[in-house]
N, C-alpha and C. Protein backbone atom coordinates (compact mmCIF):
# COMPACT_ATOMS: atom_id res chain seq x y z
N MET A 1 -40.81 150.61 -72.31
CA MET A 1 -40.92 149.31 -71.65
C MET A 1 -39.80 148.40 -72.14
N LYS A 2 -39.49 147.43 -71.32
CA LYS A 2 -38.55 146.39 -71.67
C LYS A 2 -39.39 145.19 -72.14
N VAL A 3 -39.15 144.75 -73.38
CA VAL A 3 -39.99 143.74 -74.02
C VAL A 3 -39.15 142.53 -74.42
N ALA A 4 -39.56 141.35 -73.96
CA ALA A 4 -38.91 140.10 -74.34
C ALA A 4 -39.79 139.38 -75.36
N VAL A 5 -39.17 138.87 -76.43
CA VAL A 5 -39.87 138.08 -77.44
C VAL A 5 -39.22 136.70 -77.42
N ILE A 6 -39.99 135.69 -77.01
CA ILE A 6 -39.50 134.33 -76.86
C ILE A 6 -40.30 133.45 -77.82
N TYR A 7 -39.61 132.54 -78.51
CA TYR A 7 -40.31 131.76 -79.53
C TYR A 7 -39.72 130.37 -79.70
N GLU A 8 -40.51 129.53 -80.34
CA GLU A 8 -40.09 128.22 -80.86
C GLU A 8 -40.31 128.27 -82.36
N SER A 9 -39.36 127.75 -83.12
CA SER A 9 -39.49 127.76 -84.58
C SER A 9 -38.88 126.49 -85.14
N ARG A 10 -39.57 125.86 -86.04
CA ARG A 10 -39.04 124.65 -86.66
C ARG A 10 -38.41 124.95 -88.02
N THR A 11 -39.06 125.78 -88.83
CA THR A 11 -38.57 126.03 -90.20
C THR A 11 -38.07 127.46 -90.41
N GLY A 12 -38.15 128.28 -89.37
CA GLY A 12 -37.68 129.66 -89.47
C GLY A 12 -38.78 130.69 -89.61
N ASN A 13 -40.02 130.25 -89.85
CA ASN A 13 -41.11 131.21 -90.02
C ASN A 13 -41.46 131.92 -88.72
N THR A 14 -41.52 131.17 -87.63
CA THR A 14 -41.84 131.80 -86.36
C THR A 14 -40.68 132.67 -85.88
N ALA A 15 -39.45 132.25 -86.18
CA ALA A 15 -38.29 133.09 -85.85
C ALA A 15 -38.39 134.41 -86.60
N ARG A 16 -38.79 134.35 -87.86
CA ARG A 16 -38.94 135.58 -88.65
C ARG A 16 -40.03 136.46 -88.05
N ALA A 17 -41.17 135.85 -87.68
CA ALA A 17 -42.25 136.62 -87.06
C ALA A 17 -41.76 137.26 -85.76
N ALA A 18 -40.99 136.53 -84.96
CA ALA A 18 -40.47 137.06 -83.70
C ALA A 18 -39.56 138.26 -83.96
N GLU A 19 -38.69 138.15 -84.95
CA GLU A 19 -37.80 139.27 -85.29
C GLU A 19 -38.60 140.48 -85.77
N LEU A 20 -39.65 140.24 -86.54
CA LEU A 20 -40.50 141.34 -87.01
C LEU A 20 -41.23 142.01 -85.85
N ILE A 21 -41.70 141.21 -84.90
CA ILE A 21 -42.37 141.76 -83.71
C ILE A 21 -41.37 142.58 -82.91
N GLY A 22 -40.18 142.03 -82.72
CA GLY A 22 -39.14 142.76 -82.00
C GLY A 22 -38.79 144.07 -82.67
N ALA A 23 -38.66 144.06 -83.98
CA ALA A 23 -38.33 145.28 -84.72
C ALA A 23 -39.45 146.31 -84.61
N ALA A 24 -40.70 145.84 -84.67
CA ALA A 24 -41.84 146.76 -84.55
C ALA A 24 -41.87 147.40 -83.16
N ALA A 25 -41.60 146.61 -82.13
CA ALA A 25 -41.59 147.14 -80.76
C ALA A 25 -40.43 148.13 -80.58
N GLN A 26 -39.29 147.79 -81.15
CA GLN A 26 -38.13 148.68 -81.05
C GLN A 26 -38.39 150.00 -81.77
N GLU A 27 -39.05 149.91 -82.91
CA GLU A 27 -39.38 151.12 -83.67
C GLU A 27 -40.31 152.04 -82.88
N LEU A 28 -41.10 151.45 -81.98
CA LEU A 28 -42.00 152.24 -81.13
C LEU A 28 -41.29 152.75 -79.87
N GLY A 29 -39.98 152.51 -79.78
CA GLY A 29 -39.21 153.08 -78.69
C GLY A 29 -38.95 152.18 -77.50
N HIS A 30 -39.25 150.90 -77.62
CA HIS A 30 -39.07 149.98 -76.51
C HIS A 30 -37.71 149.30 -76.58
N GLU A 31 -37.21 148.90 -75.42
CA GLU A 31 -35.99 148.08 -75.34
C GLU A 31 -36.43 146.64 -75.56
N VAL A 32 -35.81 145.95 -76.52
CA VAL A 32 -36.30 144.64 -76.95
C VAL A 32 -35.18 143.61 -76.98
N GLY A 33 -35.54 142.39 -76.59
CA GLY A 33 -34.67 141.23 -76.74
C GLY A 33 -35.47 140.12 -77.38
N VAL A 34 -34.88 139.41 -78.36
CA VAL A 34 -35.57 138.34 -79.08
C VAL A 34 -34.71 137.08 -79.01
N TRP A 35 -35.30 135.98 -78.52
CA TRP A 35 -34.56 134.72 -78.38
C TRP A 35 -35.45 133.51 -78.58
N PRO A 36 -34.85 132.40 -79.09
CA PRO A 36 -35.56 131.12 -79.02
C PRO A 36 -35.68 130.73 -77.54
N SER A 37 -36.68 129.96 -77.21
CA SER A 37 -36.97 129.68 -75.80
C SER A 37 -35.79 129.06 -75.05
N ARG A 38 -35.05 128.20 -75.68
CA ARG A 38 -33.93 127.52 -75.00
C ARG A 38 -32.71 128.42 -74.80
N LYS A 39 -32.68 129.58 -75.45
CA LYS A 39 -31.54 130.49 -75.34
C LYS A 39 -31.94 131.85 -74.78
N ALA A 40 -33.10 131.91 -74.17
CA ALA A 40 -33.59 133.19 -73.65
C ALA A 40 -32.63 133.75 -72.61
N ASN A 41 -32.42 135.05 -72.66
CA ASN A 41 -31.61 135.76 -71.67
C ASN A 41 -32.47 135.89 -70.41
N LEU A 42 -32.17 135.07 -69.41
CA LEU A 42 -33.02 135.01 -68.22
C LEU A 42 -33.01 136.30 -67.41
N ASP A 43 -31.90 137.01 -67.40
CA ASP A 43 -31.86 138.30 -66.69
C ASP A 43 -32.76 139.31 -67.37
N PHE A 44 -32.70 139.36 -68.71
CA PHE A 44 -33.56 140.27 -69.47
C PHE A 44 -35.02 139.90 -69.23
N LEU A 45 -35.33 138.60 -69.32
CA LEU A 45 -36.71 138.12 -69.15
C LEU A 45 -37.22 138.47 -67.76
N LYS A 46 -36.39 138.31 -66.75
CA LYS A 46 -36.78 138.61 -65.37
C LYS A 46 -37.16 140.09 -65.23
N ASP A 47 -36.42 140.96 -65.91
CA ASP A 47 -36.66 142.40 -65.80
C ASP A 47 -37.67 142.94 -66.82
N ALA A 48 -38.09 142.10 -67.75
CA ALA A 48 -39.00 142.56 -68.81
C ALA A 48 -40.34 143.01 -68.22
N ASP A 49 -40.89 144.06 -68.83
CA ASP A 49 -42.21 144.54 -68.45
C ASP A 49 -43.30 143.75 -69.16
N MET A 50 -42.98 143.26 -70.35
CA MET A 50 -43.96 142.59 -71.20
C MET A 50 -43.25 141.50 -71.98
N VAL A 51 -44.00 140.42 -72.30
CA VAL A 51 -43.44 139.29 -73.03
C VAL A 51 -44.35 138.92 -74.20
N PHE A 52 -43.72 138.62 -75.33
CA PHE A 52 -44.40 137.98 -76.46
C PHE A 52 -43.90 136.54 -76.48
N VAL A 53 -44.80 135.58 -76.64
CA VAL A 53 -44.43 134.17 -76.75
C VAL A 53 -45.03 133.64 -78.04
N GLY A 54 -44.18 133.00 -78.86
CA GLY A 54 -44.66 132.50 -80.14
C GLY A 54 -44.20 131.09 -80.44
N THR A 55 -44.97 130.44 -81.28
CA THR A 55 -44.63 129.11 -81.76
C THR A 55 -45.33 128.86 -83.09
N TRP A 56 -45.13 127.68 -83.60
CA TRP A 56 -45.71 127.29 -84.87
C TRP A 56 -46.88 126.35 -84.61
N THR A 57 -47.69 126.14 -85.65
CA THR A 57 -48.86 125.28 -85.55
C THR A 57 -48.48 123.87 -85.98
N ASP A 58 -48.62 122.93 -85.06
CA ASP A 58 -48.32 121.53 -85.33
C ASP A 58 -49.64 120.79 -85.55
N GLY A 59 -49.61 119.74 -86.34
CA GLY A 59 -50.80 118.93 -86.57
C GLY A 59 -51.01 118.69 -88.05
N ILE A 60 -51.95 117.81 -88.35
CA ILE A 60 -52.25 117.55 -89.76
C ILE A 60 -53.11 118.68 -90.32
N VAL A 61 -53.29 118.69 -91.60
CA VAL A 61 -53.89 119.83 -92.30
C VAL A 61 -55.20 120.31 -91.68
N ILE A 62 -56.11 119.41 -91.34
CA ILE A 62 -57.43 119.87 -90.87
C ILE A 62 -57.76 119.47 -89.44
N ALA A 63 -56.88 118.77 -88.74
CA ALA A 63 -57.21 118.33 -87.38
C ALA A 63 -55.95 118.17 -86.54
N GLY A 64 -56.17 118.02 -85.24
CA GLY A 64 -55.08 117.75 -84.33
C GLY A 64 -54.12 118.89 -84.12
N HIS A 65 -54.57 120.10 -84.33
CA HIS A 65 -53.69 121.26 -84.19
C HIS A 65 -53.31 121.48 -82.73
N ARG A 66 -52.05 121.84 -82.52
CA ARG A 66 -51.54 122.13 -81.18
C ARG A 66 -50.32 123.03 -81.32
N PRO A 67 -49.96 123.71 -80.23
CA PRO A 67 -48.75 124.54 -80.29
C PRO A 67 -47.51 123.67 -80.52
N GLY A 68 -46.70 124.02 -81.50
CA GLY A 68 -45.47 123.29 -81.77
C GLY A 68 -44.48 123.44 -80.62
N ASP A 69 -43.79 122.34 -80.32
CA ASP A 69 -42.79 122.33 -79.24
C ASP A 69 -43.34 122.88 -77.93
N ALA A 70 -44.57 122.49 -77.61
CA ALA A 70 -45.22 122.98 -76.39
C ALA A 70 -44.40 122.64 -75.15
N GLY A 71 -43.75 121.48 -75.15
CA GLY A 71 -42.94 121.09 -73.99
C GLY A 71 -41.82 122.07 -73.70
N ARG A 72 -41.22 122.59 -74.75
CA ARG A 72 -40.16 123.59 -74.55
C ARG A 72 -40.72 124.88 -73.98
N LEU A 73 -41.91 125.26 -74.44
CA LEU A 73 -42.53 126.47 -73.91
C LEU A 73 -42.94 126.27 -72.45
N LEU A 74 -43.35 125.06 -72.11
CA LEU A 74 -43.70 124.77 -70.71
C LEU A 74 -42.47 124.79 -69.81
N ASP A 75 -41.29 124.65 -70.39
CA ASP A 75 -40.05 124.72 -69.62
C ASP A 75 -39.56 126.15 -69.41
N LEU A 76 -40.25 127.12 -69.99
CA LEU A 76 -39.85 128.52 -69.79
C LEU A 76 -39.86 128.85 -68.31
N PRO A 77 -38.97 129.73 -67.87
CA PRO A 77 -39.07 130.19 -66.49
C PRO A 77 -40.38 130.94 -66.30
N GLY A 78 -40.82 131.05 -65.07
CA GLY A 78 -42.07 131.74 -64.80
C GLY A 78 -42.05 133.18 -65.28
N ILE A 79 -43.17 133.61 -65.80
CA ILE A 79 -43.34 135.00 -66.24
C ILE A 79 -44.46 135.63 -65.41
N TRP A 80 -44.43 135.35 -64.13
CA TRP A 80 -45.50 135.68 -63.20
C TRP A 80 -45.95 137.13 -63.30
N GLY A 81 -47.24 137.28 -63.65
CA GLY A 81 -47.86 138.59 -63.67
C GLY A 81 -47.47 139.50 -64.81
N LYS A 82 -46.58 139.05 -65.69
CA LYS A 82 -46.16 139.90 -66.81
C LYS A 82 -47.21 139.86 -67.91
N PRO A 83 -47.64 141.03 -68.41
CA PRO A 83 -48.53 141.02 -69.57
C PRO A 83 -47.85 140.25 -70.70
N THR A 84 -48.56 139.26 -71.23
CA THR A 84 -47.97 138.37 -72.24
C THR A 84 -48.92 138.20 -73.40
N ALA A 85 -48.39 138.42 -74.60
CA ALA A 85 -49.16 138.24 -75.83
C ALA A 85 -48.57 137.06 -76.59
N GLY A 86 -49.44 136.31 -77.25
CA GLY A 86 -48.99 135.15 -78.02
C GLY A 86 -49.08 135.38 -79.51
N PHE A 87 -48.26 134.62 -80.25
CA PHE A 87 -48.35 134.65 -81.70
C PHE A 87 -48.00 133.28 -82.25
N LEU A 88 -48.66 132.95 -83.35
CA LEU A 88 -48.47 131.67 -84.02
C LEU A 88 -48.25 131.87 -85.49
N THR A 89 -47.47 130.99 -86.08
CA THR A 89 -47.40 130.94 -87.54
C THR A 89 -48.04 129.63 -87.98
N TYR A 90 -48.58 129.65 -89.18
CA TYR A 90 -49.24 128.45 -89.71
C TYR A 90 -49.11 128.45 -91.22
N ALA A 91 -49.31 127.24 -91.79
CA ALA A 91 -49.23 127.11 -93.25
C ALA A 91 -50.62 127.16 -93.88
N ILE A 92 -51.54 126.33 -93.41
CA ILE A 92 -52.86 126.22 -94.04
C ILE A 92 -53.98 126.61 -93.10
N HIS A 93 -53.96 126.10 -91.88
CA HIS A 93 -55.04 126.35 -90.93
C HIS A 93 -54.47 126.30 -89.51
N ALA A 94 -54.79 127.29 -88.71
CA ALA A 94 -54.24 127.35 -87.34
C ALA A 94 -55.15 126.70 -86.30
N GLY A 95 -56.37 126.33 -86.71
CA GLY A 95 -57.27 125.73 -85.74
C GLY A 95 -57.45 126.64 -84.53
N LYS A 96 -57.50 126.03 -83.36
CA LYS A 96 -57.65 126.79 -82.11
C LYS A 96 -56.35 126.75 -81.31
N VAL A 97 -55.25 126.71 -82.02
CA VAL A 97 -53.94 126.60 -81.37
C VAL A 97 -53.66 127.79 -80.47
N ILE A 98 -54.17 128.95 -80.79
CA ILE A 98 -53.93 130.13 -79.94
C ILE A 98 -54.48 129.89 -78.54
N ASP A 99 -55.56 129.12 -78.43
CA ASP A 99 -56.10 128.79 -77.10
C ASP A 99 -55.12 127.91 -76.32
N GLY A 100 -54.47 126.98 -77.01
CA GLY A 100 -53.47 126.15 -76.36
C GLY A 100 -52.27 126.96 -75.91
N LEU A 101 -51.88 127.93 -76.73
CA LEU A 101 -50.77 128.80 -76.35
C LEU A 101 -51.16 129.66 -75.14
N ALA A 102 -52.39 130.11 -75.10
CA ALA A 102 -52.88 130.88 -73.95
C ALA A 102 -52.78 130.04 -72.68
N ASP A 103 -53.14 128.77 -72.77
CA ASP A 103 -53.05 127.88 -71.61
C ASP A 103 -51.61 127.74 -71.13
N ILE A 104 -50.67 127.62 -72.06
CA ILE A 104 -49.25 127.51 -71.70
C ILE A 104 -48.79 128.79 -70.98
N VAL A 105 -49.13 129.93 -71.54
CA VAL A 105 -48.74 131.21 -70.93
C VAL A 105 -49.30 131.31 -69.52
N LYS A 106 -50.55 130.95 -69.35
CA LYS A 106 -51.18 131.03 -68.02
C LYS A 106 -50.52 130.06 -67.05
N LEU A 107 -50.15 128.86 -67.51
CA LEU A 107 -49.45 127.91 -66.65
C LEU A 107 -48.09 128.43 -66.19
N ARG A 108 -47.46 129.25 -67.02
CA ARG A 108 -46.16 129.84 -66.66
C ARG A 108 -46.34 131.14 -65.87
N GLY A 109 -47.60 131.51 -65.58
CA GLY A 109 -47.87 132.67 -64.74
C GLY A 109 -48.07 133.97 -65.48
N GLY A 110 -48.06 133.93 -66.80
CA GLY A 110 -48.23 135.16 -67.58
C GLY A 110 -49.65 135.69 -67.52
N ASP A 111 -49.79 136.98 -67.64
CA ASP A 111 -51.08 137.67 -67.70
C ASP A 111 -51.46 137.76 -69.18
N TRP A 112 -52.21 136.78 -69.67
CA TRP A 112 -52.57 136.67 -71.08
C TRP A 112 -53.35 137.88 -71.55
N ILE A 113 -52.82 138.57 -72.55
CA ILE A 113 -53.53 139.74 -73.08
C ILE A 113 -54.07 139.49 -74.49
N GLY A 114 -53.89 138.27 -74.97
CA GLY A 114 -54.42 137.91 -76.28
C GLY A 114 -53.31 137.49 -77.23
N GLY A 115 -53.73 137.08 -78.40
CA GLY A 115 -52.75 136.62 -79.37
C GLY A 115 -53.25 136.76 -80.79
N ASN A 116 -52.38 136.40 -81.72
CA ASN A 116 -52.72 136.49 -83.13
C ASN A 116 -52.01 135.38 -83.89
N VAL A 117 -52.59 135.02 -85.03
CA VAL A 117 -52.00 134.01 -85.90
C VAL A 117 -51.57 134.68 -87.21
N PHE A 118 -50.45 134.20 -87.75
CA PHE A 118 -49.91 134.78 -88.97
C PHE A 118 -49.60 133.67 -89.97
N LYS A 119 -50.17 133.80 -91.15
CA LYS A 119 -49.89 132.84 -92.21
C LYS A 119 -48.45 133.03 -92.66
N ARG A 120 -47.70 131.95 -92.67
CA ARG A 120 -46.26 132.06 -92.94
C ARG A 120 -45.95 132.64 -94.31
N SER A 121 -46.82 132.41 -95.29
CA SER A 121 -46.57 132.94 -96.63
C SER A 121 -46.91 134.42 -96.75
N ARG A 122 -47.51 134.99 -95.69
CA ARG A 122 -47.91 136.41 -95.75
C ARG A 122 -47.18 137.28 -94.74
N LEU A 123 -46.13 136.76 -94.14
CA LEU A 123 -45.35 137.60 -93.24
C LEU A 123 -44.72 138.71 -94.05
N PRO A 124 -44.76 139.92 -93.63
CA PRO A 124 -45.04 140.46 -92.31
C PRO A 124 -46.44 141.04 -92.13
N ASP A 125 -47.39 140.68 -92.98
CA ASP A 125 -48.74 141.26 -92.91
C ASP A 125 -49.31 141.19 -91.49
N GLY A 126 -49.72 142.33 -90.98
CA GLY A 126 -50.40 142.41 -89.69
C GLY A 126 -49.49 142.48 -88.48
N ILE A 127 -48.21 142.27 -88.65
CA ILE A 127 -47.30 142.23 -87.50
C ILE A 127 -47.24 143.58 -86.77
N ALA A 128 -47.06 144.66 -87.50
CA ALA A 128 -46.91 145.98 -86.85
C ALA A 128 -48.17 146.35 -86.07
N GLY A 129 -49.33 146.14 -86.65
CA GLY A 129 -50.59 146.47 -85.97
C GLY A 129 -50.80 145.62 -84.72
N TYR A 130 -50.53 144.32 -84.85
CA TYR A 130 -50.65 143.42 -83.69
C TYR A 130 -49.69 143.84 -82.58
N THR A 131 -48.45 144.12 -82.94
CA THR A 131 -47.44 144.49 -81.95
C THR A 131 -47.84 145.77 -81.22
N GLY A 132 -48.25 146.77 -81.97
CA GLY A 132 -48.66 148.03 -81.36
C GLY A 132 -49.85 147.86 -80.42
N ALA A 133 -50.84 147.08 -80.84
CA ALA A 133 -52.02 146.86 -80.00
C ALA A 133 -51.66 146.10 -78.72
N ALA A 134 -50.80 145.09 -78.85
CA ALA A 134 -50.38 144.32 -77.66
C ALA A 134 -49.60 145.20 -76.70
N LEU A 135 -48.70 146.03 -77.24
CA LEU A 135 -47.93 146.94 -76.39
C LEU A 135 -48.84 147.96 -75.70
N ASP A 136 -49.83 148.47 -76.41
CA ASP A 136 -50.78 149.41 -75.82
C ASP A 136 -51.52 148.75 -74.65
N GLU A 137 -51.96 147.51 -74.85
CA GLU A 137 -52.68 146.79 -73.79
C GLU A 137 -51.77 146.54 -72.59
N ALA A 138 -50.53 146.14 -72.87
CA ALA A 138 -49.58 145.91 -71.77
C ALA A 138 -49.34 147.21 -71.00
N GLU A 139 -49.16 148.31 -71.70
CA GLU A 139 -48.95 149.60 -71.05
C GLU A 139 -50.14 149.99 -70.19
N ALA A 140 -51.34 149.74 -70.70
CA ALA A 140 -52.55 150.05 -69.94
C ALA A 140 -52.60 149.21 -68.66
N ARG A 141 -52.25 147.94 -68.77
CA ARG A 141 -52.27 147.08 -67.59
C ARG A 141 -51.18 147.46 -66.59
N LEU A 142 -50.09 147.94 -67.08
CA LEU A 142 -48.98 148.34 -66.20
C LEU A 142 -49.15 149.77 -65.67
N GLY A 143 -50.07 150.53 -66.31
CA GLY A 143 -50.36 151.87 -65.83
C GLY A 143 -49.39 152.95 -66.23
N HIS A 144 -48.65 152.73 -67.34
CA HIS A 144 -47.77 153.81 -67.77
C HIS A 144 -47.80 154.03 -69.28
N ALA A 145 -49.00 154.11 -69.81
CA ALA A 145 -49.17 154.34 -71.25
C ALA A 145 -48.61 155.70 -71.67
N ALA A 146 -48.69 156.69 -70.80
CA ALA A 146 -48.24 158.02 -71.18
C ALA A 146 -46.72 158.18 -71.12
N ASP A 147 -46.01 157.22 -70.54
CA ASP A 147 -44.57 157.34 -70.38
C ASP A 147 -43.79 157.26 -71.68
N ILE A 148 -44.34 156.68 -72.73
CA ILE A 148 -43.62 156.42 -73.96
C ILE A 148 -43.19 157.72 -74.65
N ASP A 149 -44.07 158.69 -74.75
CA ASP A 149 -43.75 159.93 -75.45
C ASP A 149 -43.12 160.99 -74.55
N ALA A 150 -43.05 160.71 -73.28
CA ALA A 150 -42.53 161.71 -72.33
C ALA A 150 -41.03 161.89 -72.45
């Protein structure tokens, strides 16, 4: 599959998570492109079979959590019908920010397949497993799970 990883990052943690997701997908044999949202390769994104969208958790320590730079993510070109998985980085508590990211993906036309949150101090913990599971789900939705090993 052709996989696009698009992200917003303020301090570099989400960029690191995006690169780790891209590397995990590439290791599984997929063609991968990783970009910040404002520099996304639109031709690659248009042809992508699956998209990962990530951002950071904005808000005060225990309240007001929301997807960081949500406006930039809302400016993404449409990802109509593409299986899309979300990921977030956080410092202390992610709240329900993944739900907000799901709303953004759906507004851009993505087929939300779920998401995960990653504590910035524990990267890369859980990235490979999350990436593999998201790719498996995308392949199942696209109907070509068996094509990878062929």
